Every structure is written in structure tokens, then in C-alpha cells.
């Protein structure tokens, strides 16, 4: 049963895969044009998505010990389908759609613990991670991102494990209704701050620095120059000067900040990834997480067993949660990216 407003809007794995199968049978204009122009791309798109669905079905039936292998392989095949169906790759673009290699590295010895171990880009340019990132418009300049930072970009995770872990997390509650006039005060929850005490804009700005969507927005202050708090706990106001600072989603009339991302039908502000000035798209944040877990399961099974031990590993239950959540979250996000791809 749904327990939060967020969970009430989610698609289940069967619903997402049915939607994906419909896209395969009835591709939108952009994808259809690409696939009709190249038989090899059409075959790759269809078979890779079929393999992705079968791998996720297999992952649901096996234990955590092996599940990352099926999940990441399934996501990788889905990525091949995205590359095959993208107009941003292939003929006339100067960028090949076929991929060679992962494009990522992860130290399976996790010498400083799994959270602090980084997933790194390996500097190649024709790998699968970069092909998919180009196709969906995700950042490719992050260099390295700690596993803990990547898992804390996943809204499914942060909604359940709400205590702060030392990493920037998605900011939610950024919907704006009935835009009357400008400048407009936008109420924003600021993690880590308590309403009612005098707080300088500098203190709040430091907490908001990881979020590129908030660059350039001023904080509302009171006559004393302190942050003006909402009557809702932990929330203050950011000032949007004009309609250019907002966008509408899906023709619904619901306004969002210009830099908000859509994470499974929830508007979120995502933190910068690694050295990048922008954030990873949610599907690619899952890619980083599942890549790391699959490398551990495949190449360091004894270390993987330690991490999964509920009696010895304080992160074990959280890893289990990620492996459970991926079964529904990744197909849902994949469906969304295929829809976007078809609308380009």
C-alpha cells in the first residue's frame, strides 16, 4: 500500500514494462524515424529492450547475492536501446551509436568503505555510459562521484532513509501553483535548518550551493536582514523575479523552477555530481549505483558478502533496499526517458 504522496504516483514494474512494450510496438515519431532508417538500429532497439525486461524479471526471482548482475546487465541493455533510438547519435552527428566498454571504474576493494569509494570515468569516449548520457542529455564531466553521493541522489532512497548522511540530497516540494505576479516568493524546505532562529542568508546559501537550479535566486529576508521563515517548519523563501525562472510540466499548468528535474513524476532539485556544474539525470544516477554494486558482486564476492551481512554491515539493509527499489524505479525512469526520446 502507498505510504506517501510520492509513492502514490509511482508506476509498478509491470506497468512500466507494459508501457515500454507499447513504445516498442508504437514508437513515437523521433524514435520511429531513426529505427526506420537503419535496420541494425531497429533490431538492436527491440532485442536490447527485450533482454532488459527479461533480466529485470530474473533479478526479481533471485537473492541479493546475485541480483546486481542482472539489474546492471538489464540496465546496460536498456541503454543500448536508448542509444540505438537516439537522433543525437549515429549518421550525421559525428558520434557513433554503438558502444564499446563501460566507461566507468570502481575499486572493488572499497578501501575506505563503500560509501566513500568513487565511481570514476575512465576517459574513453565511445563507451556505453557516454552514449546513453549523450542521448538523454545527462552530464559527462563529473570525473568521479562517491557511491554514497550517487545513492543519495535517488529519491526512492532518500524518502525512506531520511537521516542526513553527509551528502547533498534531492530537494522536493518545489511545485508552484497559481502564479499571480512577480517577483514571486517560492517556499523551499532547507534540510538541516530549524525555523524560528535568526539565520543569515549566507548560512542558507552555503546549504543550497550544491544545487545548480538555485544559482542566481535571492533569499527573502526580513527587516533585520535575516532569512524570512515560512510558518511551515524548516522552510524559507526564494525569490523568482520573472516567468523566465519557471517552467510548466506536461501542459498541466503546474509551474516548477526552471532547473527542476522530473523524478518519477515528482519535481526535484538535484545536486551537482562530482566535478560537474550540473547533476546526473536520475537514470544515470541509478546506472552509477548499479554499476558499482555489480562490480562488487562479480569481482569481489567475499567483500560483497561482507557488505550484505546484516549482522556485520551497517549499510546492508540500505543496499538491500536499493536492490529492491531498482526493480520498479529503473523501468519507470527508463519509460520516461524513452518518452522524452520520442518527443525530440
Protein backbone atom coordinates (compact mmCIF):
# COMPACT_ATOMS: atom_id res chain seq x y z
CA UNK A 1 0.00 0.00 0.00
CA UNK A 2 1.30 3.53 -0.74
CA UNK A 3 2.57 5.27 2.37
CA UNK A 4 3.49 8.71 1.00
CA UNK A 5 2.24 11.17 -1.60
CA UNK A 6 5.40 10.32 -3.54
CA UNK A 7 4.74 6.58 -3.61
CA UNK A 8 1.13 7.11 -4.71
CA UNK A 9 2.33 8.49 -8.05
CA UNK A 10 4.71 5.68 -8.94
CA UNK A 11 4.35 3.05 -11.64
CA UNK A 12 4.98 -0.58 -10.76
CA UNK A 13 7.42 -2.68 -12.77
CA UNK A 14 4.65 -4.49 -14.70
CA UNK A 15 3.04 -1.15 -15.57
CA UNK A 16 6.34 0.32 -16.74
CA UNK A 17 7.31 -2.71 -18.81
CA UNK A 18 3.86 -2.75 -20.44
CA UNK A 19 4.31 0.91 -21.36
CA UNK A 20 7.77 0.13 -22.76
CA UNK A 21 6.39 -2.73 -24.83
CA UNK A 22 3.80 -0.33 -26.22
CA UNK A 23 6.59 2.09 -27.16
CA UNK A 24 8.36 -0.78 -28.93
CA UNK A 25 5.24 -1.60 -30.95
CA UNK A 26 4.14 2.01 -31.48
CA UNK A 27 7.30 4.16 -31.36
CA UNK A 28 6.86 7.91 -31.27
CA UNK A 29 7.86 9.96 -34.28
CA UNK A 30 11.50 10.65 -33.43
CA UNK A 31 12.35 7.06 -32.48
CA UNK A 32 10.31 5.69 -35.38
CA UNK A 33 12.24 7.85 -37.85
CA UNK A 34 15.60 6.60 -36.56
CA UNK A 35 14.58 2.95 -36.48
CA UNK A 36 13.03 3.01 -39.95
CA UNK A 37 16.21 4.47 -41.42
CA UNK A 38 18.51 1.70 -40.15
CA UNK A 39 17.65 -1.99 -39.83
CA UNK A 40 20.56 -2.65 -37.46
CA UNK A 41 19.39 0.05 -35.08
CA UNK A 42 15.81 -1.22 -35.20
CA UNK A 43 16.89 -4.76 -34.34
CA UNK A 44 19.17 -3.55 -31.56
CA UNK A 45 16.43 -1.37 -30.07
CA UNK A 46 13.94 -4.22 -29.98
CA UNK A 47 16.22 -7.02 -28.79
CA UNK A 48 18.04 -4.92 -26.19
CA UNK A 49 14.77 -3.84 -24.57
CA UNK A 50 13.53 -7.43 -24.60
CA UNK A 51 16.74 -8.53 -22.89
CA UNK A 52 16.45 -5.69 -20.38
CA UNK A 53 12.95 -6.77 -19.39
CA UNK A 54 13.98 -10.41 -19.08
CA UNK A 55 17.00 -9.51 -16.94
CA UNK A 56 14.84 -7.48 -14.57
CA UNK A 57 12.33 -10.33 -14.36
CA UNK A 58 15.20 -12.67 -13.48
CA UNK A 59 16.55 -10.22 -10.90
CA UNK A 60 13.23 -10.24 -9.07
CA UNK A 61 13.43 -14.01 -8.61
CA UNK A 62 16.93 -14.25 -7.15
CA UNK A 63 18.59 -13.15 -3.94
CA UNK A 64 20.60 -10.05 -3.20
CA UNK A 65 23.85 -12.00 -3.62
CA UNK A 66 23.48 -12.10 -7.43
CA UNK A 67 20.80 -9.52 -8.14
CA UNK A 68 23.15 -6.64 -9.06
CA UNK A 69 24.44 -8.66 -12.00
CA UNK A 70 21.01 -8.99 -13.58
CA UNK A 71 19.98 -5.44 -12.72
CA UNK A 72 23.04 -3.81 -14.22
CA UNK A 73 23.08 -6.04 -17.28
CA UNK A 74 19.40 -5.25 -17.81
CA UNK A 75 20.03 -1.51 -17.45
CA UNK A 76 23.01 -1.75 -19.81
CA UNK A 77 20.88 -3.40 -22.48
CA UNK A 78 18.21 -0.76 -21.99
CA UNK A 79 20.96 1.80 -22.51
CA UNK A 80 21.92 0.16 -25.80
CA UNK A 81 18.31 0.53 -26.90
CA UNK A 82 18.31 4.23 -25.96
CA UNK A 83 21.49 4.77 -27.99
CA UNK A 84 20.03 2.87 -30.95
CA UNK A 85 16.88 5.01 -30.92
CA UNK A 86 18.50 8.41 -30.38
CA UNK A 87 18.74 11.10 -33.05
CA UNK A 88 21.68 12.58 -31.13
CA UNK A 89 23.86 9.63 -32.17
CA UNK A 90 24.73 7.97 -35.44
CA UNK A 91 24.68 9.20 -39.02
CA UNK A 92 25.20 12.93 -39.41
CA UNK A 93 26.05 13.57 -35.75
CA UNK A 94 29.74 12.66 -35.65
CA UNK A 95 29.01 10.38 -32.67
CA UNK A 96 28.62 6.64 -33.09
CA UNK A 97 25.61 4.95 -31.53
CA UNK A 98 27.36 1.62 -30.94
CA UNK A 99 29.25 1.39 -27.66
CA UNK A 100 32.47 -0.26 -26.53
CA UNK A 101 33.15 -0.77 -22.81
CA UNK A 102 31.60 0.53 -19.61
CA UNK A 103 33.37 3.89 -19.44
CA UNK A 104 33.49 3.66 -15.64
CA UNK A 105 35.82 2.28 -12.98
CA UNK A 106 35.22 1.25 -9.36
CA UNK A 107 37.72 -0.03 -6.78
CA UNK A 108 36.05 -3.23 -5.55
CA UNK A 109 38.44 -3.31 -2.59
CA UNK A 110 36.45 -0.34 -1.19
CA UNK A 111 39.44 0.63 0.99
CA UNK A 112 37.55 3.46 2.73
CA UNK A 113 34.17 1.76 2.78
CA UNK A 114 31.61 1.53 0.01
CA UNK A 115 30.09 4.99 0.59
CA UNK A 116 33.42 6.79 0.23
CA UNK A 117 34.59 4.79 -2.80
CA UNK A 118 34.19 6.72 -6.04
CA UNK A 119 32.86 5.59 -9.38
CA UNK A 120 35.22 7.20 -11.88
CA UNK A 121 35.03 7.97 -15.56
CA UNK A 122 37.84 6.18 -17.38
CA UNK A 123 38.41 8.81 -20.07
CA UNK A 124 37.25 6.82 -23.09
CA UNK A 125 34.76 8.39 -25.48
CA UNK A 126 32.86 5.53 -27.14
CA UNK A 127 31.68 3.69 -24.04
CA UNK A 128 28.09 2.82 -23.24
CA UNK A 129 27.76 5.25 -20.32
CA UNK A 130 28.70 8.19 -22.54
CA UNK A 131 26.45 7.03 -25.42
CA UNK A 132 23.40 6.92 -23.15
CA UNK A 133 24.33 10.16 -21.38
CA UNK A 134 24.56 11.99 -24.71
CA UNK A 135 21.26 10.51 -25.85
CA UNK A 136 19.31 11.68 -22.79
CA UNK A 137 21.25 14.87 -22.00
CA UNK A 138 22.98 13.79 -18.80
CA UNK A 139 26.27 15.32 -17.67
CA UNK A 140 29.54 13.68 -18.73
CA UNK A 141 32.01 15.93 -16.92
CA UNK A 142 31.69 14.73 -13.31
CA UNK A 143 35.04 12.83 -13.35
CA UNK A 144 34.26 10.92 -10.14
CA UNK A 145 31.33 10.61 -7.78
CA UNK A 146 31.38 8.77 -4.46
CA UNK A 147 28.99 5.85 -4.19
CA UNK A 148 27.39 7.49 -1.16
CA UNK A 149 26.75 10.67 -3.15
CA UNK A 150 25.20 8.70 -6.01
CA UNK A 151 22.85 6.72 -3.79
CA UNK A 152 21.79 9.94 -2.07
CA UNK A 153 20.68 11.35 -5.44
CA UNK A 154 17.99 8.64 -5.62
CA UNK A 155 14.69 9.98 -4.34
CA UNK A 156 13.40 6.46 -3.68
CA UNK A 157 16.25 6.06 -1.19
CA UNK A 158 16.11 9.46 0.48
CA UNK A 159 12.34 9.25 1.02
CA UNK A 160 12.84 6.16 3.20
CA UNK A 161 16.24 6.79 4.81
CA UNK A 162 15.73 10.41 5.77
CA UNK A 163 18.61 10.99 8.16
CA UNK A 164 21.44 13.10 6.78
CA UNK A 165 24.45 11.07 5.56
CA UNK A 166 26.81 13.91 4.72
CA UNK A 167 25.82 14.11 1.04
CA UNK A 168 23.57 16.57 -0.77
CA UNK A 169 20.14 15.09 -1.45
CA UNK A 170 17.26 15.87 -3.80
CA UNK A 171 15.15 18.82 -2.69
CA UNK A 172 11.43 18.22 -3.03
CA UNK A 173 8.35 20.38 -2.66
CA UNK A 174 9.26 22.76 -5.49
CA UNK A 175 5.86 22.83 -7.21
CA UNK A 176 4.36 26.28 -7.65
CA UNK A 177 0.63 26.74 -8.15
CA UNK A 178 -1.42 29.72 -9.37
CA UNK A 179 1.43 32.04 -10.29
CA UNK A 180 -0.09 35.50 -9.69
CA UNK A 181 2.63 38.11 -10.14
CA UNK A 182 6.34 38.74 -9.91
CA UNK A 183 8.62 38.88 -8.07
CA UNK A 184 7.33 35.60 -6.63
CA UNK A 185 8.20 34.07 -3.25
CA UNK A 186 8.79 30.32 -3.62
CA UNK A 187 8.66 28.32 -0.40
CA UNK A 188 11.57 25.89 -0.06
CA UNK A 189 12.42 23.26 2.55
CA UNK A 190 16.02 23.72 3.69
CA UNK A 191 17.41 20.48 5.17
CA UNK A 192 19.44 20.98 8.32
CA UNK A 193 17.91 24.28 9.44
CA UNK A 194 15.30 24.98 12.10
CA UNK A 195 12.73 27.73 11.77
CA UNK A 196 12.47 30.48 14.34
CA UNK A 197 16.10 31.40 14.91
CA UNK A 198 17.93 34.28 13.28
CA UNK A 199 19.69 32.89 10.23
CA UNK A 200 21.79 34.84 7.76
CA UNK A 201 21.37 34.40 4.01
CA UNK A 202 24.99 33.23 3.92
CA UNK A 203 24.21 30.24 6.14
CA UNK A 204 21.35 29.14 3.92
CA UNK A 205 23.22 29.89 0.72
CA UNK A 206 26.01 27.52 1.83
CA UNK A 207 23.48 24.71 2.19
CA UNK A 208 21.97 25.47 -1.21
CA UNK A 209 25.31 25.75 -3.04
CA UNK A 210 25.23 22.15 -4.39
CA UNK A 211 22.03 22.82 -6.35
CA UNK A 212 22.63 24.42 -9.77
CA UNK A 213 18.93 25.15 -10.28
CA UNK A 214 19.10 27.67 -7.43
CA UNK A 215 22.05 29.66 -8.77
CA UNK A 216 21.12 33.32 -9.03
CA UNK A 217 17.96 33.17 -6.92
CA UNK A 218 17.86 35.56 -3.97
CA UNK A 219 16.67 34.65 -0.48
CA UNK A 220 13.80 36.61 1.04
CA UNK A 221 14.90 38.44 4.21
CA UNK A 222 13.18 40.32 6.99
CA UNK A 223 13.81 43.93 8.05
CA UNK A 224 16.81 42.82 10.12
CA UNK A 225 18.44 41.12 7.15
CA UNK A 226 17.79 37.59 8.42
CA UNK A 227 16.17 34.84 6.39
CA UNK A 228 12.38 35.16 6.36
CA UNK A 229 10.90 31.87 7.50
CA UNK A 230 7.60 30.33 6.45
CA UNK A 231 5.08 29.19 9.05
CA UNK A 232 5.89 25.68 7.78
CA UNK A 233 8.79 24.16 9.73
CA UNK A 234 12.20 24.37 8.06
CA UNK A 235 11.01 26.37 5.05
CA UNK A 236 12.09 29.78 3.84
CA UNK A 237 11.52 31.70 0.61
CA UNK A 238 13.47 32.14 -2.60
CA UNK A 239 12.60 35.00 -4.94
CA UNK A 240 11.82 34.34 -8.62
CA UNK A 241 11.96 37.63 -10.49
CA UNK A 242 10.06 36.70 -13.67
CA UNK A 243 8.24 33.95 -15.51
CA UNK A 244 11.58 33.08 -17.17
CA UNK A 245 12.60 31.46 -13.90
CA UNK A 246 9.74 28.95 -14.13
CA UNK A 247 8.55 26.23 -16.49
CA UNK A 248 5.40 24.15 -16.80
CA UNK A 249 5.34 20.37 -16.86
CA UNK A 250 3.43 18.26 -19.40
CA UNK A 251 0.96 21.03 -20.19
CA UNK A 252 -0.56 20.60 -16.73
CA UNK A 253 -0.33 24.25 -15.75
CA UNK A 254 1.74 23.28 -12.72
CA UNK A 255 4.80 25.51 -12.50
CA UNK A 256 8.28 24.44 -11.41
CA UNK A 257 11.62 26.14 -11.05
CA UNK A 258 13.41 26.23 -14.37
CA UNK A 259 16.12 23.78 -13.28
CA UNK A 260 13.84 21.19 -11.68
CA UNK A 261 14.12 17.56 -12.82
CA UNK A 262 11.31 15.05 -13.12
CA UNK A 263 11.99 12.02 -10.92
CA UNK A 264 9.14 9.52 -11.39
CA UNK A 265 6.58 12.32 -11.73
CA UNK A 266 7.96 14.33 -8.81
CA UNK A 267 9.71 17.64 -9.37
CA UNK A 268 13.07 17.66 -7.60
CA UNK A 269 16.18 19.80 -7.45
CA UNK A 270 19.21 17.55 -7.81
CA UNK A 271 22.72 18.32 -6.55
CA UNK A 272 25.79 18.66 -8.73
CA UNK A 273 27.59 15.40 -9.49
CA UNK A 274 31.31 15.29 -8.73
CA UNK A 275 33.25 17.98 -10.59
CA UNK A 276 30.33 18.84 -12.87
CA UNK A 277 28.39 22.08 -12.75
CA UNK A 278 25.22 20.03 -13.25
CA UNK A 279 23.51 16.91 -11.99
CA UNK A 280 23.18 13.42 -13.42
CA UNK A 281 19.81 12.54 -14.83
CA UNK A 282 18.10 10.10 -12.44
CA UNK A 283 18.51 7.10 -14.74
CA UNK A 284 22.26 7.71 -14.88
CA UNK A 285 22.50 8.07 -11.09
CA UNK A 286 20.94 4.60 -10.89
CA UNK A 287 23.44 3.48 -13.54
CA UNK A 288 26.36 4.58 -11.35
CA UNK A 289 24.90 2.83 -8.28
CA UNK A 290 24.10 -0.45 -10.03
CA UNK A 291 27.44 -0.45 -11.85
CA UNK A 292 29.31 -0.27 -8.53
CA UNK A 293 27.20 -2.99 -6.92
CA UNK A 294 27.55 -5.27 -9.94
CA UNK A 295 31.34 -4.86 -9.91
CA UNK A 296 31.42 -5.86 -6.25
CA UNK A 297 29.16 -8.86 -6.79
CA UNK A 298 31.10 -10.05 -9.82
CA UNK A 299 34.73 -9.36 -8.98
CA UNK A 300 34.81 -9.26 -5.16
CA UNK A 301 32.23 -11.80 -3.93
CA UNK A 302 33.82 -12.10 -0.48
CA UNK A 303 33.75 -8.31 0.01
CA UNK A 304 30.20 -8.30 -1.34
CA UNK A 305 29.24 -10.92 1.25
CA UNK A 306 30.65 -8.67 3.99
CA UNK A 307 28.64 -5.69 2.76
CA UNK A 308 25.43 -7.76 2.67
CA UNK A 309 25.88 -9.20 6.17
CA UNK A 310 23.09 -7.78 8.34
CA UNK A 311 25.00 -8.77 11.48
CA UNK A 312 28.26 -7.08 10.47
CA UNK A 313 27.46 -4.33 7.96
CA UNK A 314 25.56 -1.20 8.96
CA UNK A 315 24.81 -0.44 5.31
CA UNK A 316 23.46 -3.92 4.48
CA UNK A 317 19.77 -3.12 4.82
CA UNK A 318 20.19 0.03 2.74
CA UNK A 319 21.87 -1.92 -0.04
CA UNK A 320 19.04 -4.45 0.06
CA UNK A 321 16.59 -1.57 -0.23
CA UNK A 322 18.38 -0.22 -3.31
CA UNK A 323 18.27 -3.64 -4.95
CA UNK A 324 14.55 -3.93 -4.20
CA UNK A 325 13.74 -0.37 -5.30
CA UNK A 326 15.61 -0.74 -8.59
CA UNK A 327 13.11 -3.37 -9.74
CA UNK A 328 10.38 -0.70 -10.00
CA UNK A 329 12.33 2.57 -10.19
CA UNK A 330 14.60 1.79 -13.12
CA UNK A 331 11.85 0.59 -15.52
CA UNK A 332 9.76 3.64 -14.57
CA UNK A 333 12.66 6.02 -15.29
CA UNK A 334 13.51 4.11 -18.47
CA UNK A 335 9.94 4.52 -19.69
CA UNK A 336 10.19 8.25 -19.05
CA UNK A 337 13.44 8.58 -20.98
CA UNK A 338 12.03 6.65 -23.93
CA UNK A 339 9.04 9.00 -23.99
CA UNK A 340 11.39 12.02 -23.98
CA UNK A 341 13.48 10.42 -26.71
CA UNK A 342 10.41 10.00 -28.88
CA UNK A 343 9.44 13.65 -28.48
CA UNK A 344 12.75 15.14 -29.61
